[in-house]
């Protein structure tokens, strides 16, 4: 992946301390879009995701907390059951070939 190429990342966390949990949640709301409880989606470059990783590493306790960051494939196929898969006003975009092209805040 080129350093300036953006892609969609899924960030999930399990934080044991309520104070750290609040800090992590507030921080992620500034750089990503909440998708579900403790799950965020971010449209970032490799440098951008590295900044997020560094910031999260400073907030968590690595012995008790768990943060996972997954790159999503460009040809993302989304299946869901139950409530809406994405929050109101959030859309997944596809390019002309039907591949995931990012997240749009409507």
N, C-alpha and C. Protein backbone atom coordinates (compact mmCIF):
# COMPACT_ATOMS: atom_id res chain seq x y z
N UNK A 1 0.85 -1.18 0.00
CA UNK A 1 0.00 0.00 0.00
C UNK A 1 0.89 1.24 0.00
N UNK A 2 0.62 2.17 -0.90
CA UNK A 2 1.36 3.41 -0.95
C UNK A 2 1.03 4.25 0.29
N UNK A 3 2.00 5.04 0.73
CA UNK A 3 1.80 5.83 1.94
C UNK A 3 0.65 6.82 1.83
N UNK A 4 0.37 7.32 0.64
CA UNK A 4 -0.70 8.31 0.49
C UNK A 4 -2.02 7.70 0.02
N UNK A 5 -2.08 6.39 -0.13
CA UNK A 5 -3.31 5.71 -0.55
C UNK A 5 -4.22 5.52 0.66
N UNK A 6 -5.46 5.95 0.56
CA UNK A 6 -6.38 5.76 1.67
C UNK A 6 -7.11 4.44 1.52
N UNK A 7 -7.46 3.88 2.66
CA UNK A 7 -8.27 2.67 2.68
C UNK A 7 -9.11 2.70 3.94
N UNK A 8 -10.06 1.81 4.01
CA UNK A 8 -10.95 1.75 5.16
C UNK A 8 -10.38 0.78 6.19
N UNK A 9 -10.40 1.20 7.45
CA UNK A 9 -9.88 0.41 8.56
C UNK A 9 -10.99 0.23 9.58
N UNK A 10 -11.05 -0.93 10.18
CA UNK A 10 -11.99 -1.22 11.26
C UNK A 10 -11.19 -1.23 12.56
N UNK A 11 -11.63 -0.44 13.53
CA UNK A 11 -10.95 -0.34 14.82
C UNK A 11 -11.91 -0.82 15.89
N UNK A 12 -11.51 -1.83 16.64
CA UNK A 12 -12.34 -2.39 17.71
C UNK A 12 -11.53 -2.40 18.99
N UNK A 13 -12.20 -2.20 20.11
CA UNK A 13 -11.47 -2.16 21.37
C UNK A 13 -12.27 -2.76 22.51
N UNK A 14 -11.54 -3.22 23.52
CA UNK A 14 -12.10 -3.71 24.77
C UNK A 14 -11.22 -3.14 25.87
N UNK A 15 -11.70 -2.14 26.56
CA UNK A 15 -10.93 -1.41 27.56
C UNK A 15 -11.53 -1.71 28.94
N UNK A 16 -10.68 -2.10 29.89
CA UNK A 16 -11.18 -2.54 31.21
C UNK A 16 -11.49 -1.40 32.17
N UNK A 17 -10.82 -0.28 32.06
CA UNK A 17 -11.00 0.84 32.99
C UNK A 17 -11.98 1.85 32.39
N UNK A 18 -13.04 2.22 33.12
CA UNK A 18 -14.01 3.17 32.57
C UNK A 18 -13.40 4.51 32.15
N UNK A 19 -12.41 5.00 32.87
CA UNK A 19 -11.79 6.28 32.50
C UNK A 19 -11.02 6.16 31.19
N UNK A 20 -10.25 5.10 31.05
CA UNK A 20 -9.52 4.87 29.79
C UNK A 20 -10.50 4.63 28.65
N UNK A 21 -11.55 3.89 28.93
CA UNK A 21 -12.58 3.62 27.93
C UNK A 21 -13.15 4.93 27.39
N UNK A 22 -13.47 5.83 28.29
CA UNK A 22 -14.01 7.13 27.88
C UNK A 22 -13.02 7.92 27.03
N UNK A 23 -11.76 7.91 27.43
CA UNK A 23 -10.73 8.64 26.66
C UNK A 23 -10.56 8.05 25.27
N UNK A 24 -10.50 6.72 25.20
CA UNK A 24 -10.34 6.06 23.90
C UNK A 24 -11.55 6.35 23.01
N UNK A 25 -12.74 6.25 23.57
CA UNK A 25 -13.96 6.49 22.80
C UNK A 25 -14.01 7.93 22.29
N UNK A 26 -13.72 8.89 23.17
CA UNK A 26 -13.74 10.30 22.76
C UNK A 26 -12.70 10.57 21.67
N UNK A 27 -11.52 9.99 21.82
CA UNK A 27 -10.48 10.19 20.80
C UNK A 27 -10.92 9.60 19.46
N UNK A 28 -11.42 8.37 19.47
CA UNK A 28 -11.80 7.73 18.21
C UNK A 28 -12.93 8.48 17.51
N UNK A 29 -13.82 9.11 18.27
CA UNK A 29 -14.89 9.90 17.65
C UNK A 29 -14.34 11.08 16.86
N UNK A 30 -13.11 11.51 17.17
CA UNK A 30 -12.52 12.63 16.43
C UNK A 30 -11.83 12.19 15.14
N UNK A 31 -11.50 10.90 15.01
CA UNK A 31 -10.74 10.43 13.85
C UNK A 31 -11.46 9.33 13.06
N UNK A 32 -12.57 8.83 13.57
CA UNK A 32 -13.26 7.72 12.92
C UNK A 32 -14.76 7.84 13.16
N UNK A 33 -15.51 6.94 12.53
CA UNK A 33 -16.97 6.95 12.62
C UNK A 33 -17.42 5.74 13.43
N UNK A 34 -18.24 5.95 14.48
CA UNK A 34 -18.72 4.80 15.23
C UNK A 34 -19.67 3.95 14.38
N UNK A 35 -19.41 2.65 14.38
CA UNK A 35 -20.23 1.71 13.61
C UNK A 35 -21.09 0.88 14.55
N UNK A 36 -20.55 0.52 15.68
CA UNK A 36 -21.23 -0.30 16.67
C UNK A 36 -20.55 0.01 18.00
N UNK A 37 -21.06 -0.53 19.11
CA UNK A 37 -20.39 -0.32 20.39
C UNK A 37 -18.94 -0.79 20.29
N UNK A 38 -18.01 0.06 20.62
CA UNK A 38 -16.58 -0.26 20.63
C UNK A 38 -16.01 -0.64 19.26
N UNK A 39 -16.68 -0.24 18.20
CA UNK A 39 -16.20 -0.51 16.84
C UNK A 39 -16.32 0.78 16.02
N UNK A 40 -15.23 1.15 15.37
CA UNK A 40 -15.19 2.35 14.55
C UNK A 40 -14.65 2.02 13.17
N UNK A 41 -15.01 2.84 12.19
CA UNK A 41 -14.46 2.74 10.85
C UNK A 41 -13.73 4.03 10.55
N UNK A 42 -12.54 3.91 9.96
CA UNK A 42 -11.75 5.08 9.62
C UNK A 42 -11.27 4.97 8.18
N UNK A 43 -11.28 6.08 7.50
CA UNK A 43 -10.75 6.17 6.14
C UNK A 43 -9.42 6.89 6.26
N UNK A 44 -8.33 6.15 6.19
CA UNK A 44 -7.01 6.72 6.49
C UNK A 44 -5.93 6.18 5.56
N UNK A 45 -4.85 6.94 5.47
CA UNK A 45 -3.64 6.48 4.80
C UNK A 45 -2.84 5.65 5.81
N UNK A 46 -1.74 5.06 5.35
CA UNK A 46 -0.87 4.31 6.26
C UNK A 46 -0.31 5.22 7.34
N UNK A 47 0.05 6.44 6.98
CA UNK A 47 0.55 7.40 7.97
C UNK A 47 -0.53 7.78 8.96
N UNK A 48 -1.74 7.98 8.47
CA UNK A 48 -2.86 8.34 9.35
C UNK A 48 -3.18 7.24 10.34
N UNK A 49 -3.18 6.00 9.89
CA UNK A 49 -3.49 4.90 10.81
C UNK A 49 -2.36 4.71 11.81
N UNK A 50 -1.13 5.02 11.40
CA UNK A 50 0.00 4.95 12.34
C UNK A 50 -0.16 6.00 13.45
N UNK A 51 -0.63 7.19 13.10
CA UNK A 51 -0.89 8.23 14.11
C UNK A 51 -1.96 7.76 15.10
N UNK A 52 -3.00 7.12 14.58
CA UNK A 52 -4.07 6.61 15.44
C UNK A 52 -3.52 5.52 16.35
N UNK A 53 -2.72 4.61 15.80
CA UNK A 53 -2.12 3.53 16.61
C UNK A 53 -1.27 4.10 17.74
N UNK A 54 -0.47 5.10 17.41
CA UNK A 54 0.40 5.72 18.42
C UNK A 54 -0.43 6.37 19.51
N UNK A 55 -1.46 7.11 19.13
CA UNK A 55 -2.32 7.77 20.12
C UNK A 55 -3.02 6.75 21.01
N UNK A 56 -3.53 5.67 20.42
CA UNK A 56 -4.22 4.65 21.21
C UNK A 56 -3.25 3.93 22.14
N UNK A 57 -2.04 3.67 21.69
CA UNK A 57 -1.04 2.99 22.52
C UNK A 57 -0.73 3.80 23.77
N UNK A 58 -0.82 5.12 23.67
CA UNK A 58 -0.55 5.98 24.81
C UNK A 58 -1.70 6.00 25.80
N UNK A 59 -2.89 5.62 25.37
CA UNK A 59 -4.08 5.68 26.23
C UNK A 59 -4.39 4.37 26.95
N UNK A 60 -3.93 3.26 26.43
CA UNK A 60 -4.37 1.97 26.97
C UNK A 60 -3.35 1.36 27.92
N UNK A 61 -3.81 0.36 28.66
CA UNK A 61 -2.93 -0.48 29.47
C UNK A 61 -2.77 -1.78 28.67
N UNK A 62 -1.60 -2.05 28.11
CA UNK A 62 -1.45 -3.23 27.24
C UNK A 62 -1.61 -4.56 27.98
N UNK A 63 -1.57 -4.55 29.30
CA UNK A 63 -1.74 -5.80 30.05
C UNK A 63 -3.20 -6.19 30.21
N UNK A 64 -4.11 -5.20 30.15
CA UNK A 64 -5.52 -5.50 30.40
C UNK A 64 -6.45 -5.09 29.27
N UNK A 65 -6.01 -4.20 28.39
CA UNK A 65 -6.86 -3.69 27.32
C UNK A 65 -6.52 -4.35 25.99
N UNK A 66 -7.46 -4.28 25.07
CA UNK A 66 -7.28 -4.89 23.75
C UNK A 66 -7.79 -3.93 22.69
N UNK A 67 -6.92 -3.55 21.76
CA UNK A 67 -7.31 -2.71 20.62
C UNK A 67 -6.86 -3.45 19.37
N UNK A 68 -7.77 -3.55 18.40
CA UNK A 68 -7.46 -4.24 17.15
C UNK A 68 -7.81 -3.33 15.99
N UNK A 69 -6.92 -3.29 15.00
CA UNK A 69 -7.14 -2.46 13.82
C UNK A 69 -6.99 -3.36 12.59
N UNK A 70 -8.06 -3.47 11.83
CA UNK A 70 -8.09 -4.35 10.67
C UNK A 70 -8.24 -3.54 9.39
N UNK A 71 -7.39 -3.77 8.40
CA UNK A 71 -7.63 -3.14 7.09
C UNK A 71 -8.76 -3.90 6.40
N UNK A 72 -9.71 -3.18 5.87
CA UNK A 72 -10.81 -3.83 5.16
C UNK A 72 -10.45 -3.96 3.69
N UNK A 73 -10.87 -5.04 3.05
CA UNK A 73 -10.55 -5.23 1.63
C UNK A 73 -11.25 -4.19 0.78
N UNK A 74 -10.65 -3.89 -0.36
CA UNK A 74 -11.24 -2.91 -1.26
C UNK A 74 -12.56 -3.40 -1.84
N UNK A 75 -12.71 -4.70 -1.99
CA UNK A 75 -13.96 -5.25 -2.52
C UNK A 75 -14.82 -5.77 -1.38
N UNK A 76 -15.04 -4.93 -0.41
CA UNK A 76 -15.77 -5.28 0.80
C UNK A 76 -17.22 -5.63 0.48
N UNK A 77 -17.65 -6.75 0.99
CA UNK A 77 -19.04 -7.17 0.87
C UNK A 77 -19.61 -7.19 2.28
N UNK A 78 -20.62 -6.39 2.55
CA UNK A 78 -21.15 -6.21 3.89
C UNK A 78 -22.46 -6.98 4.06
N UNK A 79 -22.52 -7.83 5.07
CA UNK A 79 -23.75 -8.55 5.42
C UNK A 79 -24.09 -8.17 6.86
N UNK A 80 -25.35 -8.02 7.14
CA UNK A 80 -25.75 -7.69 8.51
C UNK A 80 -27.08 -8.35 8.83
N UNK A 81 -27.31 -8.49 10.12
CA UNK A 81 -28.56 -9.06 10.62
C UNK A 81 -29.01 -8.18 11.78
N UNK A 82 -30.29 -7.95 11.89
CA UNK A 82 -30.79 -7.12 12.98
C UNK A 82 -30.82 -5.66 12.59
N UNK A 83 -30.43 -4.81 13.53
CA UNK A 83 -30.48 -3.37 13.31
C UNK A 83 -29.60 -2.94 12.15
N UNK A 84 -29.72 -1.68 11.78
CA UNK A 84 -28.95 -1.13 10.65
C UNK A 84 -27.47 -1.47 10.78
N UNK A 85 -26.81 -1.82 9.67
CA UNK A 85 -25.39 -2.16 9.72
C UNK A 85 -24.49 -0.96 9.97
N UNK A 86 -24.94 0.21 9.57
CA UNK A 86 -24.18 1.44 9.77
C UNK A 86 -25.09 2.48 10.40
N UNK A 87 -24.53 3.41 11.16
CA UNK A 87 -25.37 4.45 11.76
C UNK A 87 -26.08 5.29 10.71
N UNK A 88 -27.19 5.91 11.12
CA UNK A 88 -27.96 6.78 10.24
C UNK A 88 -27.06 7.84 9.64
N UNK A 89 -27.14 8.03 8.33
CA UNK A 89 -26.36 9.05 7.65
C UNK A 89 -24.98 8.60 7.21
N UNK A 90 -24.63 7.34 7.43
CA UNK A 90 -23.32 6.82 7.04
C UNK A 90 -23.53 5.82 5.91
N UNK A 91 -22.76 5.99 4.85
CA UNK A 91 -22.90 5.11 3.69
C UNK A 91 -21.54 4.56 3.32
N UNK A 92 -21.50 3.33 2.85
CA UNK A 92 -20.29 2.77 2.27
C UNK A 92 -20.34 3.05 0.78
N UNK A 93 -19.28 3.61 0.25
CA UNK A 93 -19.23 3.95 -1.17
C UNK A 93 -18.57 2.84 -1.95
N UNK A 94 -18.96 2.69 -3.19
CA UNK A 94 -18.34 1.71 -4.08
C UNK A 94 -17.88 2.45 -5.33
N UNK A 95 -16.78 1.98 -5.90
CA UNK A 95 -16.31 2.58 -7.15
C UNK A 95 -17.09 1.97 -8.31
N UNK A 96 -16.70 2.29 -9.53
CA UNK A 96 -17.45 1.84 -10.71
C UNK A 96 -17.43 0.32 -10.86
N UNK A 97 -16.45 -0.35 -10.27
CA UNK A 97 -16.36 -1.80 -10.37
C UNK A 97 -17.04 -2.50 -9.20
N UNK A 98 -17.69 -1.71 -8.32
CA UNK A 98 -18.38 -2.30 -7.17
C UNK A 98 -17.50 -2.54 -5.98
N UNK A 99 -16.26 -2.07 -6.03
CA UNK A 99 -15.35 -2.24 -4.91
C UNK A 99 -15.54 -1.11 -3.91
N UNK A 100 -15.26 -1.38 -2.63
CA UNK A 100 -15.38 -0.36 -1.60
C UNK A 100 -14.45 0.80 -1.90
N UNK A 101 -15.01 2.00 -1.86
CA UNK A 101 -14.20 3.19 -2.12
C UNK A 101 -14.16 4.10 -0.90
N UNK A 102 -14.75 3.70 0.20
CA UNK A 102 -14.67 4.52 1.41
C UNK A 102 -16.00 4.69 2.11
N UNK A 103 -15.98 5.60 3.06
CA UNK A 103 -17.13 5.88 3.90
C UNK A 103 -17.59 7.32 3.64
N UNK A 104 -18.88 7.54 3.55
CA UNK A 104 -19.42 8.86 3.32
C UNK A 104 -20.33 9.23 4.48
N UNK A 105 -20.11 10.40 5.03
CA UNK A 105 -21.02 10.94 6.03
C UNK A 105 -22.05 11.76 5.28
N UNK A 106 -23.28 11.30 5.31
CA UNK A 106 -24.32 11.99 4.56
C UNK A 106 -25.01 13.03 5.41
